[in-house]
PDB file of N, CA and C in Angstrom:
ATOM      1  N   UNK A   1      25.529  16.098  -0.726  1.00  0.00           N
ATOM      2  CA  UNK A   1      24.402  15.414  -1.304  1.00  0.00           C
ATOM      3  C   UNK A   1      24.786  14.873  -2.669  1.00  0.00           C
ATOM      4  N   UNK A   2      24.338  13.677  -2.989  1.00  0.00           N
ATOM      5  CA  UNK A   2      24.603  13.076  -4.296  1.00  0.00           C
ATOM      6  C   UNK A   2      23.834  13.804  -5.383  1.00  0.00           C
ATOM      7  N   UNK A   3      24.454  13.926  -6.563  1.00  0.00           N
ATOM      8  CA  UNK A   3      23.803  14.622  -7.661  1.00  0.00           C
ATOM      9  C   UNK A   3      22.592  13.864  -8.195  1.00  0.00           C
ATOM     10  N   UNK A   4      22.620  12.554  -8.193  1.00  0.00           N
ATOM     11  CA  UNK A   4      21.561  11.752  -8.786  1.00  0.00           C
ATOM     12  C   UNK A   4      20.343  11.549  -7.899  1.00  0.00           C
ATOM     13  N   UNK A   5      20.423  11.899  -6.624  1.00  0.00           N
ATOM     14  CA  UNK A   5      19.298  11.645  -5.728  1.00  0.00           C
ATOM     15  C   UNK A   5      18.527  12.922  -5.464  1.00  0.00           C
ATOM     16  N   UNK A   6      17.212  12.777  -5.377  1.00  0.00           N
ATOM     17  CA  UNK A   6      16.337  13.889  -5.047  1.00  0.00           C
ATOM     18  C   UNK A   6      15.551  13.522  -3.810  1.00  0.00           C
ATOM     19  N   UNK A   7      15.392  14.469  -2.928  1.00  0.00           N
ATOM     20  CA  UNK A   7      14.527  14.282  -1.770  1.00  0.00           C
ATOM     21  C   UNK A   7      13.100  14.554  -2.204  1.00  0.00           C
ATOM     22  N   UNK A   8      12.193  13.667  -1.875  1.00  0.00           N
ATOM     23  CA  UNK A   8      10.798  13.848  -2.220  1.00  0.00           C
ATOM     24  C   UNK A   8      10.078  14.399  -1.000  1.00  0.00           C
ATOM     25  N   UNK A   9       9.496  15.561  -1.160  1.00  0.00           N
ATOM     26  CA  UNK A   9       8.695  16.138  -0.093  1.00  0.00           C
ATOM     27  C   UNK A   9       7.267  15.682  -0.341  1.00  0.00           C
ATOM     28  N   UNK A  10       6.734  14.922   0.590  1.00  0.00           N
ATOM     29  CA  UNK A  10       5.408  14.357   0.391  1.00  0.00           C
ATOM     30  C   UNK A  10       4.339  15.335   0.832  1.00  0.00           C
ATOM     31  N   UNK A  11       3.184  15.220   0.225  1.00  0.00           N
ATOM     32  CA  UNK A  11       2.055  16.060   0.533  1.00  0.00           C
ATOM     33  C   UNK A  11       0.944  15.160   1.056  1.00  0.00           C
ATOM     34  N   UNK A  12       0.525  15.377   2.276  1.00  0.00           N
ATOM     35  CA  UNK A  12      -0.493  14.515   2.885  1.00  0.00           C
ATOM     36  C   UNK A  12      -1.785  14.500   2.078  1.00  0.00           C
ATOM     37  N   UNK A  13      -2.116  15.598   1.429  1.00  0.00           N
ATOM     38  CA  UNK A  13      -3.357  15.668   0.673  1.00  0.00           C
ATOM     39  C   UNK A  13      -3.372  14.708  -0.519  1.00  0.00           C
ATOM     40  N   UNK A  14      -2.207  14.252  -0.966  1.00  0.00           N
ATOM     41  CA  UNK A  14      -2.113  13.316  -2.095  1.00  0.00           C
ATOM     42  C   UNK A  14      -1.923  11.879  -1.632  1.00  0.00           C
ATOM     43  N   UNK A  15      -1.916  11.648  -0.347  1.00  0.00           N
ATOM     44  CA  UNK A  15      -1.641  10.319   0.204  1.00  0.00           C
ATOM     45  C   UNK A  15      -2.928   9.519   0.382  1.00  0.00           C
ATOM     46  N   UNK A  16      -2.859   8.228   0.084  1.00  0.00           N
ATOM     47  CA  UNK A  16      -4.041   7.377   0.250  1.00  0.00           C
ATOM     48  C   UNK A  16      -4.346   7.087   1.723  1.00  0.00           C
ATOM     49  N   UNK A  17      -3.405   7.377   2.621  1.00  0.00           N
ATOM     50  CA  UNK A  17      -3.634   7.199   4.057  1.00  0.00           C
ATOM     51  C   UNK A  17      -4.350   8.386   4.692  1.00  0.00           C
ATOM     52  N   UNK A  18      -4.500   9.465   3.940  1.00  0.00           N
ATOM     53  CA  UNK A  18      -5.116  10.698   4.424  1.00  0.00           C
ATOM     54  C   UNK A  18      -6.586  10.686   4.023  1.00  0.00           C
ATOM     55  N   UNK A  19      -7.477  10.392   4.978  1.00  0.00           N
ATOM     56  CA  UNK A  19      -8.896  10.203   4.675  1.00  0.00           C
ATOM     57  C   UNK A  19      -9.766  11.115   5.529  1.00  0.00           C
ATOM     58  N   UNK A  20     -10.946  11.363   5.015  1.00  0.00           N
ATOM     59  CA  UNK A  20     -11.903  12.217   5.725  1.00  0.00           C
ATOM     60  C   UNK A  20     -12.641  11.407   6.774  1.00  0.00           C
ATOM     61  N   UNK A  21     -12.660  11.898   7.992  1.00  0.00           N
ATOM     62  CA  UNK A  21     -13.365  11.251   9.088  1.00  0.00           C
ATOM     63  C   UNK A  21     -14.687  11.986   9.288  1.00  0.00           C
ATOM     64  N   UNK A  22     -15.784  11.323   8.982  1.00  0.00           N
ATOM     65  CA  UNK A  22     -17.095  11.958   9.072  1.00  0.00           C
ATOM     66  C   UNK A  22     -17.515  12.230  10.511  1.00  0.00           C
ATOM     67  N   UNK A  23     -17.022  11.445  11.456  1.00  0.00           N
ATOM     68  CA  UNK A  23     -17.361  11.676  12.863  1.00  0.00           C
ATOM     69  C   UNK A  23     -16.776  12.989  13.368  1.00  0.00           C
ATOM     70  N   UNK A  24     -15.508  13.257  13.026  1.00  0.00           N
ATOM     71  CA  UNK A  24     -14.831  14.468  13.492  1.00  0.00           C
ATOM     72  C   UNK A  24     -14.911  15.614  12.485  1.00  0.00           C
ATOM     73  N   UNK A  25     -15.342  15.301  11.262  1.00  0.00           N
ATOM     74  CA  UNK A  25     -15.504  16.270  10.178  1.00  0.00           C
ATOM     75  C   UNK A  25     -14.203  16.962   9.780  1.00  0.00           C
ATOM     76  N   UNK A  26     -13.116  16.195   9.716  1.00  0.00           N
ATOM     77  CA  UNK A  26     -11.851  16.674   9.164  1.00  0.00           C
ATOM     78  C   UNK A  26     -11.008  15.489   8.722  1.00  0.00           C
ATOM     79  N   UNK A  27      -9.948  15.781   7.993  1.00  0.00           N
ATOM     80  CA  UNK A  27      -9.082  14.738   7.463  1.00  0.00           C
ATOM     81  C   UNK A  27      -8.092  14.265   8.516  1.00  0.00           C
ATOM     82  N   UNK A  28      -7.823  12.959   8.490  1.00  0.00           N
ATOM     83  CA  UNK A  28      -6.859  12.363   9.417  1.00  0.00           C
ATOM     84  C   UNK A  28      -5.949  11.401   8.654  1.00  0.00           C
ATOM     85  N   UNK A  29      -4.822  11.115   9.240  1.00  0.00           N
ATOM     86  CA  UNK A  29      -3.911  10.114   8.695  1.00  0.00           C
ATOM     87  C   UNK A  29      -4.227   8.784   9.380  1.00  0.00           C
ATOM     88  N   UNK A  30      -4.448   7.746   8.573  1.00  0.00           N
ATOM     89  CA  UNK A  30      -4.808   6.440   9.124  1.00  0.00           C
ATOM     90  C   UNK A  30      -3.615   5.638   9.624  1.00  0.00           C
ATOM     91  N   UNK A  31      -2.404   6.117   9.411  1.00  0.00           N
ATOM     92  CA  UNK A  31      -1.223   5.394   9.862  1.00  0.00           C
ATOM     93  C   UNK A  31      -1.106   5.566  11.378  1.00  0.00           C
ATOM     94  N   UNK A  32      -0.916   4.463  12.078  1.00  0.00           N
ATOM     95  CA  UNK A  32      -0.798   4.481  13.528  1.00  0.00           C
ATOM     96  C   UNK A  32       0.664   4.759  13.893  1.00  0.00           C
ATOM     97  N   UNK A  33       0.985   6.017  14.182  1.00  0.00           N
ATOM     98  CA  UNK A  33       2.356   6.412  14.506  1.00  0.00           C
ATOM     99  C   UNK A  33       2.652   6.158  15.973  1.00  0.00           C
ATOM    100  N   UNK A  34       3.892   5.756  16.255  1.00  0.00           N
ATOM    101  CA  UNK A  34       4.282   5.625  17.653  1.00  0.00           C
ATOM    102  C   UNK A  34       4.678   7.013  18.180  1.00  0.00           C
ATOM    103  N   UNK A  35       5.035   7.109  19.444  1.00  0.00           N
ATOM    104  CA  UNK A  35       5.328   8.409  20.071  1.00  0.00           C
ATOM    105  C   UNK A  35       6.485   9.139  19.392  1.00  0.00           C
ATOM    106  N   UNK A  36       7.550   8.422  19.068  1.00  0.00           N
ATOM    107  CA  UNK A  36       8.715   9.051  18.444  1.00  0.00           C
ATOM    108  C   UNK A  36       8.384   9.583  17.055  1.00  0.00           C
ATOM    109  N   UNK A  37       7.666   8.775  16.266  1.00  0.00           N
ATOM    110  CA  UNK A  37       7.285   9.213  14.928  1.00  0.00           C
ATOM    111  C   UNK A  37       6.362  10.429  14.987  1.00  0.00           C
ATOM    112  N   UNK A  38       5.424  10.419  15.918  1.00  0.00           N
ATOM    113  CA  UNK A  38       4.497  11.544  16.056  1.00  0.00           C
ATOM    114  C   UNK A  38       5.244  12.812  16.462  1.00  0.00           C
ATOM    115  N   UNK A  39       6.217  12.686  17.347  1.00  0.00           N
ATOM    116  CA  UNK A  39       7.005  13.847  17.776  1.00  0.00           C
ATOM    117  C   UNK A  39       7.783  14.434  16.599  1.00  0.00           C
ATOM    118  N   UNK A  40       8.406  13.575  15.789  1.00  0.00           N
ATOM    119  CA  UNK A  40       9.129  14.057  14.608  1.00  0.00           C
ATOM    120  C   UNK A  40       8.180  14.733  13.625  1.00  0.00           C
ATOM    121  N   UNK A  41       6.997  14.167  13.458  1.00  0.00           N
ATOM    122  CA  UNK A  41       6.013  14.742  12.548  1.00  0.00           C
ATOM    123  C   UNK A  41       5.531  16.105  13.052  1.00  0.00           C
ATOM    124  N   UNK A  42       5.225  16.199  14.333  1.00  0.00           N
ATOM    125  CA  UNK A  42       4.688  17.443  14.893  1.00  0.00           C
ATOM    126  C   UNK A  42       5.728  18.562  14.933  1.00  0.00           C
ATOM    127  N   UNK A  43       7.006  18.209  15.054  1.00  0.00           N
ATOM    128  CA  UNK A  43       8.054  19.233  15.108  1.00  0.00           C
ATOM    129  C   UNK A  43       8.665  19.517  13.736  1.00  0.00           C
ATOM    130  N   UNK A  44       8.101  18.910  12.690  1.00  0.00           N
ATOM    131  CA  UNK A  44       8.581  19.102  11.311  1.00  0.00           C
ATOM    132  C   UNK A  44      10.052  18.756  11.134  1.00  0.00           C
ATOM    133  N   UNK A  45      10.542  17.771  11.885  1.00  0.00           N
ATOM    134  CA  UNK A  45      11.935  17.357  11.745  1.00  0.00           C
ATOM    135  C   UNK A  45      12.099  16.264  10.695  1.00  0.00           C
ATOM    136  N   UNK A  46      11.006  15.856  10.054  1.00  0.00           N
ATOM    137  CA  UNK A  46      11.037  14.845   9.002  1.00  0.00           C
ATOM    138  C   UNK A  46      10.643  15.515   7.695  1.00  0.00           C
ATOM    139  N   UNK A  47      11.449  15.311   6.647  1.00  0.00           N
ATOM    140  CA  UNK A  47      11.166  15.929   5.354  1.00  0.00           C
ATOM    141  C   UNK A  47      10.208  15.103   4.508  1.00  0.00           C
ATOM    142  N   UNK A  48      10.210  13.790   4.708  1.00  0.00           N
ATOM    143  CA  UNK A  48       9.332  12.934   3.921  1.00  0.00           C
ATOM    144  C   UNK A  48       8.728  11.846   4.796  1.00  0.00           C
ATOM    145  N   UNK A  49       7.528  11.480   4.478  1.00  0.00           N
ATOM    146  CA  UNK A  49       6.814  10.465   5.246  1.00  0.00           C
ATOM    147  C   UNK A  49       7.172   9.084   4.728  1.00  0.00           C
ATOM    148  N   UNK A  50       7.599   8.169   5.598  1.00  0.00           N
ATOM    149  CA  UNK A  50       7.931   6.820   5.142  1.00  0.00           C
ATOM    150  C   UNK A  50       6.694   6.002   4.779  1.00  0.00           C
ATOM    151  N   UNK A  51       5.512   6.473   5.136  1.00  0.00           N
ATOM    152  CA  UNK A  51       4.274   5.749   4.872  1.00  0.00           C
ATOM    153  C   UNK A  51       3.483   6.332   3.705  1.00  0.00           C
ATOM    154  N   UNK A  52       4.050   7.314   3.016  1.00  0.00           N
ATOM    155  CA  UNK A  52       3.352   7.969   1.917  1.00  0.00           C
ATOM    156  C   UNK A  52       3.051   6.991   0.799  1.00  0.00           C
ATOM    157  N   UNK A  53       1.793   6.970   0.360  1.00  0.00           N
ATOM    158  CA  UNK A  53       1.358   6.172  -0.781  1.00  0.00           C
ATOM    159  C   UNK A  53       0.526   7.085  -1.664  1.00  0.00           C
ATOM    160  N   UNK A  54       0.947   7.237  -2.895  1.00  0.00           N
ATOM    161  CA  UNK A  54       0.235   8.096  -3.816  1.00  0.00           C
ATOM    162  C   UNK A  54      -1.183   7.585  -4.004  1.00  0.00           C
ATOM    163  N   UNK A  55      -2.146   8.473  -3.869  1.00  0.00           N
ATOM    164  CA  UNK A  55      -3.548   8.123  -4.045  1.00  0.00           C
ATOM    165  C   UNK A  55      -3.835   8.085  -5.538  1.00  0.00           C
ATOM    166  N   UNK A  56      -3.559   6.941  -6.138  1.00  0.00           N
ATOM    167  CA  UNK A  56      -3.664   6.768  -7.583  1.00  0.00           C
ATOM    168  C   UNK A  56      -4.973   6.069  -7.920  1.00  0.00           C
ATOM    169  N   UNK A  57      -5.976   6.845  -8.304  1.00  0.00           N
ATOM    170  CA  UNK A  57      -7.296   6.299  -8.593  1.00  0.00           C
ATOM    171  C   UNK A  57      -7.307   5.395  -9.824  1.00  0.00           C
ATOM    172  N   UNK A  58      -6.362   5.565 -10.735  1.00  0.00           N
ATOM    173  CA  UNK A  58      -6.363   4.828 -11.993  1.00  0.00           C
ATOM    174  C   UNK A  58      -5.423   3.622 -11.989  1.00  0.00           C
ATOM    175  N   UNK A  59      -4.895   3.249 -10.841  1.00  0.00           N
ATOM    176  CA  UNK A  59      -3.957   2.136 -10.737  1.00  0.00           C
ATOM    177  C   UNK A  59      -4.582   0.827 -11.229  1.00  0.00           C
ATOM    178  N   UNK A  60      -5.802   0.551 -10.819  1.00  0.00           N
ATOM    179  CA  UNK A  60      -6.485  -0.678 -11.201  1.00  0.00           C
ATOM    180  C   UNK A  60      -6.770  -0.687 -12.701  1.00  0.00           C
ATOM    181  N   UNK A  61      -7.161   0.456 -13.248  1.00  0.00           N
ATOM    182  CA  UNK A  61      -7.475   0.542 -14.682  1.00  0.00           C
ATOM    183  C   UNK A  61      -6.247   0.229 -15.514  1.00  0.00           C
ATOM    184  N   UNK A  62      -5.077   0.745 -15.107  1.00  0.00           N
ATOM    185  CA  UNK A  62      -3.845   0.482 -15.855  1.00  0.00           C
ATOM    186  C   UNK A  62      -3.493  -1.001 -15.831  1.00  0.00           C
ATOM    187  N   UNK A  63      -3.774  -1.701 -14.745  1.00  0.00           N
ATOM    188  CA  UNK A  63      -3.496  -3.139 -14.656  1.00  0.00           C
ATOM    189  C   UNK A  63      -4.388  -3.924 -15.599  1.00  0.00           C
ATOM    190  N   UNK A  64      -5.599  -3.444 -15.818  1.00  0.00           N
ATOM    191  CA  UNK A  64      -6.546  -4.157 -16.674  1.00  0.00           C
ATOM    192  C   UNK A  64      -6.225  -3.994 -18.152  1.00  0.00           C
ATOM    193  N   UNK A  65      -5.483  -2.977 -18.514  1.00  0.00           N
ATOM    194  CA  UNK A  65      -5.189  -2.705 -19.926  1.00  0.00           C
ATOM    195  C   UNK A  65      -4.100  -3.593 -20.456  1.00  0.00           C
TER     196      UNK A  65
END
């Protein structure tokens, strides 16, 4: 492993794609995964999500400043 690179372990709870579904009354990921991606996700063979987006509530405010 290179000394300068760090693996980022993503947390679904901090992702903007992770939203509460009022119909099912639990959180879901809005990213439409194909079969292979879902299998990797379910078997924990992926360390980081390629679709992770930090849920940054203040992003717009920083642009306005």
